[in-house]
Amino acid sequence: MQTNLRYLAALREIAAEGVPFVLMQGAALLVTAYADPGLRPLSDIDLWVQTRNYERLTSVLRRRGFNENPLAPGVFRRGETLVD
């Protein structure tokens, strides 16, 4: 549950910056289908963003302390939190 709460906090940080995105896969289900955030373990946050907003999103992630994986472009990490 702590991991999921950490991911949800990161998601709120990203959303607060106003970059439009679509939440994909597990995290989307976590915030829509499950009453308890601990019921569906997350291993990352999958976001879809339009090409015109990609640089804006990566800028937000970097300002928020996320680093891009040089071996996997588009995958960002801050501690244990992954966003791709």
PDB file of N, CA and C in Angstrom:
ATOM      1  N   MET A   1       0.822  -1.187   0.000  1.00  0.00           N
ATOM      2  CA  MET A   1       0.000   0.000   0.000  1.00  0.00           C
ATOM      3  C   MET A   1       0.873   1.262   0.000  1.00  0.00           C
ATOM      4  N   GLN A   2       1.976   1.243   0.752  1.00  0.00           N
ATOM      5  CA  GLN A   2       2.870   2.401   0.784  1.00  0.00           C
ATOM      6  C   GLN A   2       3.415   2.726  -0.605  1.00  0.00           C
ATOM      7  N   THR A   3       3.745   1.688  -1.365  1.00  0.00           N
ATOM      8  CA  THR A   3       4.243   1.894  -2.724  1.00  0.00           C
ATOM      9  C   THR A   3       3.175   2.575  -3.568  1.00  0.00           C
ATOM     10  N   ASN A   4       1.954   2.082  -3.499  1.00  0.00           N
ATOM     11  CA  ASN A   4       0.867   2.677  -4.276  1.00  0.00           C
ATOM     12  C   ASN A   4       0.621   4.123  -3.876  1.00  0.00           C
ATOM     13  N   LEU A   5       0.681   4.413  -2.584  1.00  0.00           N
ATOM     14  CA  LEU A   5       0.485   5.793  -2.134  1.00  0.00           C
ATOM     15  C   LEU A   5       1.601   6.698  -2.639  1.00  0.00           C
ATOM     16  N   ARG A   6       2.828   6.175  -2.696  1.00  0.00           N
ATOM     17  CA  ARG A   6       3.944   6.941  -3.250  1.00  0.00           C
ATOM     18  C   ARG A   6       3.696   7.249  -4.727  1.00  0.00           C
ATOM     19  N   TYR A   7       3.211   6.250  -5.466  1.00  0.00           N
ATOM     20  CA  TYR A   7       2.905   6.465  -6.886  1.00  0.00           C
ATOM     21  C   TYR A   7       1.775   7.468  -7.069  1.00  0.00           C
ATOM     22  N   LEU A   8       0.764   7.377  -6.254  1.00  0.00           N
ATOM     23  CA  LEU A   8      -0.354   8.325  -6.359  1.00  0.00           C
ATOM     24  C   LEU A   8       0.097   9.747  -6.031  1.00  0.00           C
ATOM     25  N   ALA A   9       1.002   9.891  -5.061  1.00  0.00           N
ATOM     26  CA  ALA A   9       1.537  11.214  -4.727  1.00  0.00           C
ATOM     27  C   ALA A   9       2.317  11.782  -5.912  1.00  0.00           C
ATOM     28  N   ALA A  10       3.128  10.952  -6.557  1.00  0.00           N
ATOM     29  CA  ALA A  10       3.885  11.392  -7.740  1.00  0.00           C
ATOM     30  C   ALA A  10       2.923  11.789  -8.854  1.00  0.00           C
ATOM     31  N   LEU A  11       1.870  11.022  -9.021  1.00  0.00           N
ATOM     32  CA  LEU A  11       0.881  11.327 -10.049  1.00  0.00           C
ATOM     33  C   LEU A  11       0.212  12.676  -9.783  1.00  0.00           C
ATOM     34  N   ARG A  12      -0.100  12.950  -8.534  1.00  0.00           N
ATOM     35  CA  ARG A  12      -0.692  14.251  -8.181  1.00  0.00           C
ATOM     36  C   ARG A  12       0.289  15.390  -8.482  1.00  0.00           C
ATOM     37  N   GLU A  13       1.577  15.159  -8.216  1.00  0.00           N
ATOM     38  CA  GLU A  13       2.593  16.179  -8.515  1.00  0.00           C
ATOM     39  C   GLU A  13       2.611  16.493 -10.005  1.00  0.00           C
ATOM     40  N   ILE A  14       2.593  15.468 -10.827  1.00  0.00           N
ATOM     41  CA  ILE A  14       2.631  15.643 -12.279  1.00  0.00           C
ATOM     42  C   ILE A  14       1.368  16.349 -12.754  1.00  0.00           C
ATOM     43  N   ALA A  15       0.214  15.909 -12.258  1.00  0.00           N
ATOM     44  CA  ALA A  15      -1.065  16.513 -12.665  1.00  0.00           C
ATOM     45  C   ALA A  15      -1.133  17.980 -12.248  1.00  0.00           C
ATOM     46  N   ALA A  16      -0.537  18.329 -11.124  1.00  0.00           N
ATOM     47  CA  ALA A  16      -0.575  19.707 -10.639  1.00  0.00           C
ATOM     48  C   ALA A  16       0.156  20.670 -11.568  1.00  0.00           C
ATOM     49  N   GLU A  17       1.045  20.137 -12.400  1.00  0.00           N
ATOM     50  CA  GLU A  17       1.799  20.979 -13.340  1.00  0.00           C
ATOM     51  C   GLU A  17       0.995  21.312 -14.594  1.00  0.00           C
ATOM     52  N   GLY A  18      -0.170  20.690 -14.767  1.00  0.00           N
ATOM     53  CA  GLY A  18      -1.058  21.036 -15.867  1.00  0.00           C
ATOM     54  C   GLY A  18      -0.716  20.434 -17.220  1.00  0.00           C
ATOM     55  N   VAL A  19       0.168  19.446 -17.248  1.00  0.00           N
ATOM     56  CA  VAL A  19       0.485  18.790 -18.516  1.00  0.00           C
ATOM     57  C   VAL A  19      -0.618  17.772 -18.799  1.00  0.00           C
ATOM     58  N   PRO A  20      -1.290  17.875 -19.946  1.00  0.00           N
ATOM     59  CA  PRO A  20      -2.349  16.904 -20.241  1.00  0.00           C
ATOM     60  C   PRO A  20      -1.761  15.529 -20.551  1.00  0.00           C
ATOM     61  N   PHE A  21      -2.321  14.515 -19.929  1.00  0.00           N
ATOM     62  CA  PHE A  21      -1.877  13.142 -20.166  1.00  0.00           C
ATOM     63  C   PHE A  21      -3.046  12.195 -19.938  1.00  0.00           C
ATOM     64  N   VAL A  22      -2.877  10.984 -20.416  1.00  0.00           N
ATOM     65  CA  VAL A  22      -3.843   9.912 -20.161  1.00  0.00           C
ATOM     66  C   VAL A  22      -3.146   8.898 -19.272  1.00  0.00           C
ATOM     67  N   LEU A  23      -3.775   8.555 -18.186  1.00  0.00           N
ATOM     68  CA  LEU A  23      -3.259   7.547 -17.269  1.00  0.00           C
ATOM     69  C   LEU A  23      -3.599   6.177 -17.823  1.00  0.00           C
ATOM     70  N   MET A  24      -2.611   5.318 -17.939  1.00  0.00           N
ATOM     71  CA  MET A  24      -2.793   4.015 -18.581  1.00  0.00           C
ATOM     72  C   MET A  24      -2.694   2.871 -17.573  1.00  0.00           C
ATOM     73  N   GLN A  25      -3.215   1.766 -17.955  1.00  0.00           N
ATOM     74  CA  GLN A  25      -3.053   0.454 -17.332  1.00  0.00           C
ATOM     75  C   GLN A  25      -3.345   0.449 -15.839  1.00  0.00           C
ATOM     76  N   GLY A  26      -2.447  -0.076 -15.047  1.00  0.00           N
ATOM     77  CA  GLY A  26      -2.703  -0.336 -13.634  1.00  0.00           C
ATOM     78  C   GLY A  26      -3.097   0.871 -12.812  1.00  0.00           C
ATOM     79  N   ALA A  27      -2.378   1.969 -12.970  1.00  0.00           N
ATOM     80  CA  ALA A  27      -2.693   3.155 -12.184  1.00  0.00           C
ATOM     81  C   ALA A  27      -4.081   3.683 -12.530  1.00  0.00           C
ATOM     82  N   ALA A  28      -4.466   3.576 -13.794  1.00  0.00           N
ATOM     83  CA  ALA A  28      -5.808   4.012 -14.188  1.00  0.00           C
ATOM     84  C   ALA A  28      -6.864   3.181 -13.471  1.00  0.00           C
ATOM     85  N   LEU A  29      -6.624   1.887 -13.377  1.00  0.00           N
ATOM     86  CA  LEU A  29      -7.561   1.024 -12.662  1.00  0.00           C
ATOM     87  C   LEU A  29      -7.565   1.325 -11.167  1.00  0.00           C
ATOM     88  N   LEU A  30      -6.386   1.604 -10.633  1.00  0.00           N
ATOM     89  CA  LEU A  30      -6.277   1.866  -9.201  1.00  0.00           C
ATOM     90  C   LEU A  30      -7.146   3.047  -8.787  1.00  0.00           C
ATOM     91  N   VAL A  31      -7.156   4.088  -9.598  1.00  0.00           N
ATOM     92  CA  VAL A  31      -7.909   5.283  -9.209  1.00  0.00           C
ATOM     93  C   VAL A  31      -9.359   5.258  -9.662  1.00  0.00           C
ATOM     94  N   THR A  32      -9.755   4.239 -10.458  1.00  0.00           N
ATOM     95  CA  THR A  32     -11.141   4.190 -10.916  1.00  0.00           C
ATOM     96  C   THR A  32     -11.903   2.948 -10.454  1.00  0.00           C
ATOM     97  N   ALA A  33     -11.239   1.816 -10.352  1.00  0.00           N
ATOM     98  CA  ALA A  33     -11.951   0.565 -10.110  1.00  0.00           C
ATOM     99  C   ALA A  33     -11.799   0.007  -8.692  1.00  0.00           C
ATOM    100  N   TYR A  34     -10.805   0.473  -7.958  1.00  0.00           N
ATOM    101  CA  TYR A  34     -10.547  -0.095  -6.632  1.00  0.00           C
ATOM    102  C   TYR A  34     -10.847   0.931  -5.545  1.00  0.00           C
ATOM    103  N   ALA A  35     -11.621   0.526  -4.561  1.00  0.00           N
ATOM    104  CA  ALA A  35     -11.960   1.422  -3.452  1.00  0.00           C
ATOM    105  C   ALA A  35     -10.772   1.609  -2.514  1.00  0.00           C
ATOM    106  N   ASP A  36      -9.900   0.619  -2.434  1.00  0.00           N
ATOM    107  CA  ASP A  36      -8.741   0.647  -1.541  1.00  0.00           C
ATOM    108  C   ASP A  36      -7.478   0.664  -2.398  1.00  0.00           C
ATOM    109  N   PRO A  37      -6.614   1.687  -2.253  1.00  0.00           N
ATOM    110  CA  PRO A  37      -5.426   1.774  -3.101  1.00  0.00           C
ATOM    111  C   PRO A  37      -4.428   0.647  -2.880  1.00  0.00           C
ATOM    112  N   GLY A  38      -4.593  -0.145  -1.843  1.00  0.00           N
ATOM    113  CA  GLY A  38      -3.672  -1.244  -1.598  1.00  0.00           C
ATOM    114  C   GLY A  38      -4.047  -2.531  -2.302  1.00  0.00           C
ATOM    115  N   LEU A  39      -5.195  -2.565  -2.974  1.00  0.00           N
ATOM    116  CA  LEU A  39      -5.668  -3.805  -3.581  1.00  0.00           C
ATOM    117  C   LEU A  39      -4.995  -4.168  -4.895  1.00  0.00           C
ATOM    118  N   ARG A  40      -4.392  -3.207  -5.563  1.00  0.00           N
ATOM    119  CA  ARG A  40      -3.736  -3.487  -6.844  1.00  0.00           C
ATOM    120  C   ARG A  40      -2.324  -2.920  -6.800  1.00  0.00           C
ATOM    121  N   PRO A  41      -1.322  -3.770  -6.568  1.00  0.00           N
ATOM    122  CA  PRO A  41       0.057  -3.276  -6.474  1.00  0.00           C
ATOM    123  C   PRO A  41       0.532  -2.667  -7.791  1.00  0.00           C
ATOM    124  N   LEU A  42       1.222  -1.538  -7.680  1.00  0.00           N
ATOM    125  CA  LEU A  42       1.792  -0.876  -8.854  1.00  0.00           C
ATOM    126  C   LEU A  42       3.300  -1.084  -8.885  1.00  0.00           C
ATOM    127  N   SER A  43       3.847  -1.166 -10.087  1.00  0.00           N
ATOM    128  CA  SER A  43       5.297  -1.213 -10.231  1.00  0.00           C
ATOM    129  C   SER A  43       5.800  -0.006 -11.004  1.00  0.00           C
ATOM    130  N   ASP A  44       4.880   0.746 -11.637  1.00  0.00           N
ATOM    131  CA  ASP A  44       5.223   1.972 -12.335  1.00  0.00           C
ATOM    132  C   ASP A  44       3.942   2.728 -12.662  1.00  0.00           C
ATOM    133  N   ILE A  45       4.124   3.935 -13.194  1.00  0.00           N
ATOM    134  CA  ILE A  45       3.004   4.727 -13.687  1.00  0.00           C
ATOM    135  C   ILE A  45       3.194   4.849 -15.190  1.00  0.00           C
ATOM    136  N   ASP A  46       2.212   4.404 -15.937  1.00  0.00           N
ATOM    137  CA  ASP A  46       2.265   4.498 -17.395  1.00  0.00           C
ATOM    138  C   ASP A  46       1.412   5.681 -17.836  1.00  0.00           C
ATOM    139  N   LEU A  47       2.064   6.636 -18.512  1.00  0.00           N
ATOM    140  CA  LEU A  47       1.369   7.814 -19.005  1.00  0.00           C
ATOM    141  C   LEU A  47       1.449   7.858 -20.516  1.00  0.00           C
ATOM    142  N   TRP A  48       0.381   8.315 -21.140  1.00  0.00           N
ATOM    143  CA  TRP A  48       0.391   8.612 -22.568  1.00  0.00           C
ATOM    144  C   TRP A  48       0.230  10.114 -22.687  1.00  0.00           C
ATOM    145  N   VAL A  49       1.104  10.714 -23.484  1.00  0.00           N
ATOM    146  CA  VAL A  49       1.056  12.156 -23.684  1.00  0.00           C
ATOM    147  C   VAL A  49       1.235  12.424 -25.171  1.00  0.00           C
ATOM    148  N   GLN A  50       0.539  13.431 -25.679  1.00  0.00           N
ATOM    149  CA  GLN A  50       0.682  13.782 -27.086  1.00  0.00           C
ATOM    150  C   GLN A  50       2.102  14.280 -27.346  1.00  0.00           C
ATOM    151  N   THR A  51       2.564  14.059 -28.551  1.00  0.00           N
ATOM    152  CA  THR A  51       3.928  14.441 -28.928  1.00  0.00           C
ATOM    153  C   THR A  51       4.207  15.898 -28.597  1.00  0.00           C
ATOM    154  N   ARG A  52       3.235  16.763 -28.854  1.00  0.00           N
ATOM    155  CA  ARG A  52       3.459  18.192 -28.609  1.00  0.00           C
ATOM    156  C   ARG A  52       3.641  18.521 -27.127  1.00  0.00           C
ATOM    157  N   ASN A  53       3.246  17.619 -26.224  1.00  0.00           N
ATOM    158  CA  ASN A  53       3.382  17.851 -24.780  1.00  0.00           C
ATOM    159  C   ASN A  53       4.501  17.038 -24.136  1.00  0.00           C
ATOM    160  N   TYR A  54       5.196  16.235 -24.937  1.00  0.00           N
ATOM    161  CA  TYR A  54       6.214  15.336 -24.368  1.00  0.00           C
ATOM    162  C   TYR A  54       7.341  16.121 -23.686  1.00  0.00           C
ATOM    163  N   GLU A  55       7.879  17.126 -24.336  1.00  0.00           N
ATOM    164  CA  GLU A  55       8.974  17.899 -23.738  1.00  0.00           C
ATOM    165  C   GLU A  55       8.527  18.590 -22.453  1.00  0.00           C
ATOM    166  N   ARG A  56       7.301  19.048 -22.462  1.00  0.00           N
ATOM    167  CA  ARG A  56       6.749  19.684 -21.259  1.00  0.00           C
ATOM    168  C   ARG A  56       6.680  18.682 -20.103  1.00  0.00           C
ATOM    169  N   LEU A  57       6.225  17.474 -20.399  1.00  0.00           N
ATOM    170  CA  LEU A  57       6.155  16.433 -19.367  1.00  0.00           C
ATOM    171  C   LEU A  57       7.544  16.082 -18.856  1.00  0.00           C
ATOM    172  N   THR A  58       8.498  15.882 -19.752  1.00  0.00           N
ATOM    173  CA  THR A  58       9.840  15.507 -19.304  1.00  0.00           C
ATOM    174  C   THR A  58      10.471  16.630 -18.476  1.00  0.00           C
ATOM    175  N   SER A  59      10.179  17.861 -18.824  1.00  0.00           N
ATOM    176  CA  SER A  59      10.671  18.994 -18.040  1.00  0.00           C
ATOM    177  C   SER A  59      10.090  18.968 -16.626  1.00  0.00           C
ATOM    178  N   VAL A  60       8.794  18.698 -16.526  1.00  0.00           N
ATOM    179  CA  VAL A  60       8.144  18.591 -15.218  1.00  0.00           C
ATOM    180  C   VAL A  60       8.778  17.466 -14.403  1.00  0.00           C
ATOM    181  N   LEU A  61       8.966  16.323 -15.030  1.00  0.00           N
ATOM    182  CA  LEU A  61       9.549  15.192 -14.311  1.00  0.00           C
ATOM    183  C   LEU A  61      10.943  15.538 -13.799  1.00  0.00           C
ATOM    184  N   ARG A  62      11.748  16.150 -14.630  1.00  0.00           N
ATOM    185  CA  ARG A  62      13.112  16.513 -14.204  1.00  0.00           C
ATOM    186  C   ARG A  62      13.084  17.524 -13.056  1.00  0.00           C
ATOM    187  N   ARG A  63      12.208  18.517 -13.147  1.00  0.00           N
ATOM    188  CA  ARG A  63      12.092  19.497 -12.055  1.00  0.00           C
ATOM    189  C   ARG A  63      11.657  18.840 -10.761  1.00  0.00           C
ATOM    190  N   ARG A  64      10.893  17.777 -10.879  1.00  0.00           N
ATOM    191  CA  ARG A  64      10.395  17.067  -9.701  1.00  0.00           C
ATOM    192  C   ARG A  64      11.367  15.992  -9.208  1.00  0.00           C
ATOM    193  N   GLY A  65      12.573  15.965  -9.777  1.00  0.00           N
ATOM    194  CA  GLY A  65      13.604  15.056  -9.277  1.00  0.00           C
ATOM    195  C   GLY A  65      13.683  13.701  -9.946  1.00  0.00           C
ATOM    196  N   PHE A  66      12.985  13.529 -11.064  1.00  0.00           N
ATOM    197  CA  PHE A  66      13.052  12.271 -11.813  1.00  0.00           C
ATOM    198  C   PHE A  66      14.224  12.340 -12.791  1.00  0.00           C
ATOM    199  N   ASN A  67      14.912  11.221 -12.962  1.00  0.00           N
ATOM    200  CA  ASN A  67      16.009  11.112 -13.921  1.00  0.00           C
ATOM    201  C   ASN A  67      15.641  10.094 -14.986  1.00  0.00           C
ATOM    202  N   GLU A  68      15.957  10.430 -16.237  1.00  0.00           N
ATOM    203  CA  GLU A  68      15.663   9.520 -17.345  1.00  0.00           C
ATOM    204  C   GLU A  68      16.711   8.419 -17.399  1.00  0.00           C
ATOM    205  N   ASN A  69      16.247   7.209 -17.617  1.00  0.00           N
ATOM    206  CA  ASN A  69      17.144   6.064 -17.751  1.00  0.00           C
ATOM    207  C   ASN A  69      17.851   6.166 -19.105  1.00  0.00           C
ATOM    208  N   PRO A  70      19.183   6.274 -19.112  1.00  0.00           N
ATOM    209  CA  PRO A  70      19.877   6.417 -20.394  1.00  0.00           C
ATOM    210  C   PRO A  70      19.774   5.171 -21.278  1.00  0.00           C
ATOM    211  N   LEU A  71      19.488   4.025 -20.687  1.00  0.00           N
ATOM    212  CA  LEU A  71      19.352   2.794 -21.465  1.00  0.00           C
ATOM    213  C   LEU A  71      17.921   2.533 -21.916  1.00  0.00           C
ATOM    214  N   ALA A  72      16.978   3.283 -21.356  1.00  0.00           N
ATOM    215  CA  ALA A  72      15.560   3.112 -21.709  1.00  0.00           C
ATOM    216  C   ALA A  72      14.924   4.501 -21.823  1.00  0.00           C
ATOM    217  N   PRO A  73      15.143   5.198 -22.934  1.00  0.00           N
ATOM    218  CA  PRO A  73      14.580   6.544 -23.084  1.00  0.00           C
ATOM    219  C   PRO A  73      13.065   6.551 -22.848  1.00  0.00           C
ATOM    220  N   GLY A  74      12.619   7.569 -22.139  1.00  0.00           N
ATOM    221  CA  GLY A  74      11.194   7.683 -21.838  1.00  0.00           C
ATOM    222  C   GLY A  74      10.807   7.065 -20.513  1.00  0.00           C
ATOM    223  N   VAL A  75      11.768   6.423 -19.843  1.00  0.00           N
ATOM    224  CA  VAL A  75      11.518   5.846 -18.519  1.00  0.00           C
ATOM    225  C   VAL A  75      12.239   6.722 -17.494  1.00  0.00           C
ATOM    226  N   PHE A  76      11.478   7.241 -16.546  1.00  0.00           N
ATOM    227  CA  PHE A  76      12.018   8.148 -15.541  1.00  0.00           C
ATOM    228  C   PHE A  76      11.905   7.513 -14.159  1.00  0.00           C
ATOM    229  N   ARG A  77      12.907   7.774 -13.318  1.00  0.00           N
ATOM    230  CA  ARG A  77      12.934   7.208 -11.968  1.00  0.00           C
ATOM    231  C   ARG A  77      13.265   8.300 -10.958  1.00  0.00           C
ATOM    232  N   ARG A  78      12.558   8.229  -9.842  1.00  0.00           N
ATOM    233  CA  ARG A  78      12.897   9.018  -8.650  1.00  0.00           C
ATOM    234  C   ARG A  78      12.823   8.054  -7.491  1.00  0.00           C
ATOM    235  N   GLY A  79      13.964   7.646  -7.005  1.00  0.00           N
ATOM    236  CA  GLY A  79      13.988   6.625  -5.968  1.00  0.00           C
ATOM    237  C   GLY A  79      13.388   5.335  -6.496  1.00  0.00           C
ATOM    238  N   GLU A  80      12.369   4.858  -5.829  1.00  0.00           N
ATOM    239  CA  GLU A  80      11.693   3.620  -6.242  1.00  0.00           C
ATOM    240  C   GLU A  80      10.558   3.856  -7.234  1.00  0.00           C
ATOM    241  N   THR A  81      10.266   5.114  -7.535  1.00  0.00           N
ATOM    242  CA  THR A  81       9.118   5.466  -8.363  1.00  0.00           C
ATOM    243  C   THR A  81       9.504   5.553  -9.829  1.00  0.00           C
ATOM    244  N   LEU A  82       8.816   4.778 -10.673  1.00  0.00           N
ATOM    245  CA  LEU A  82       9.053   4.765 -12.121  1.00  0.00           C
ATOM    246  C   LEU A  82       7.869   5.374 -12.855  1.00  0.00           C
ATOM    247  N   VAL A  83       8.182   6.200 -13.846  1.00  0.00           N
ATOM    248  CA  VAL A  83       7.169   6.763 -14.736  1.00  0.00           C
ATOM    249  C   VAL A  83       7.627   6.497 -16.152  1.00  0.00           C
ATOM    250  N   ASP A  84       6.738   5.919 -16.954  1.00  0.00           N
ATOM    251  CA  ASP A  84       7.079   5.732 -18.376  1.00  0.00           C
ATOM    252  C   ASP A  84       5.870   5.977 -19.239  1.00  0.00           C
TER     253      ASP A  84
END
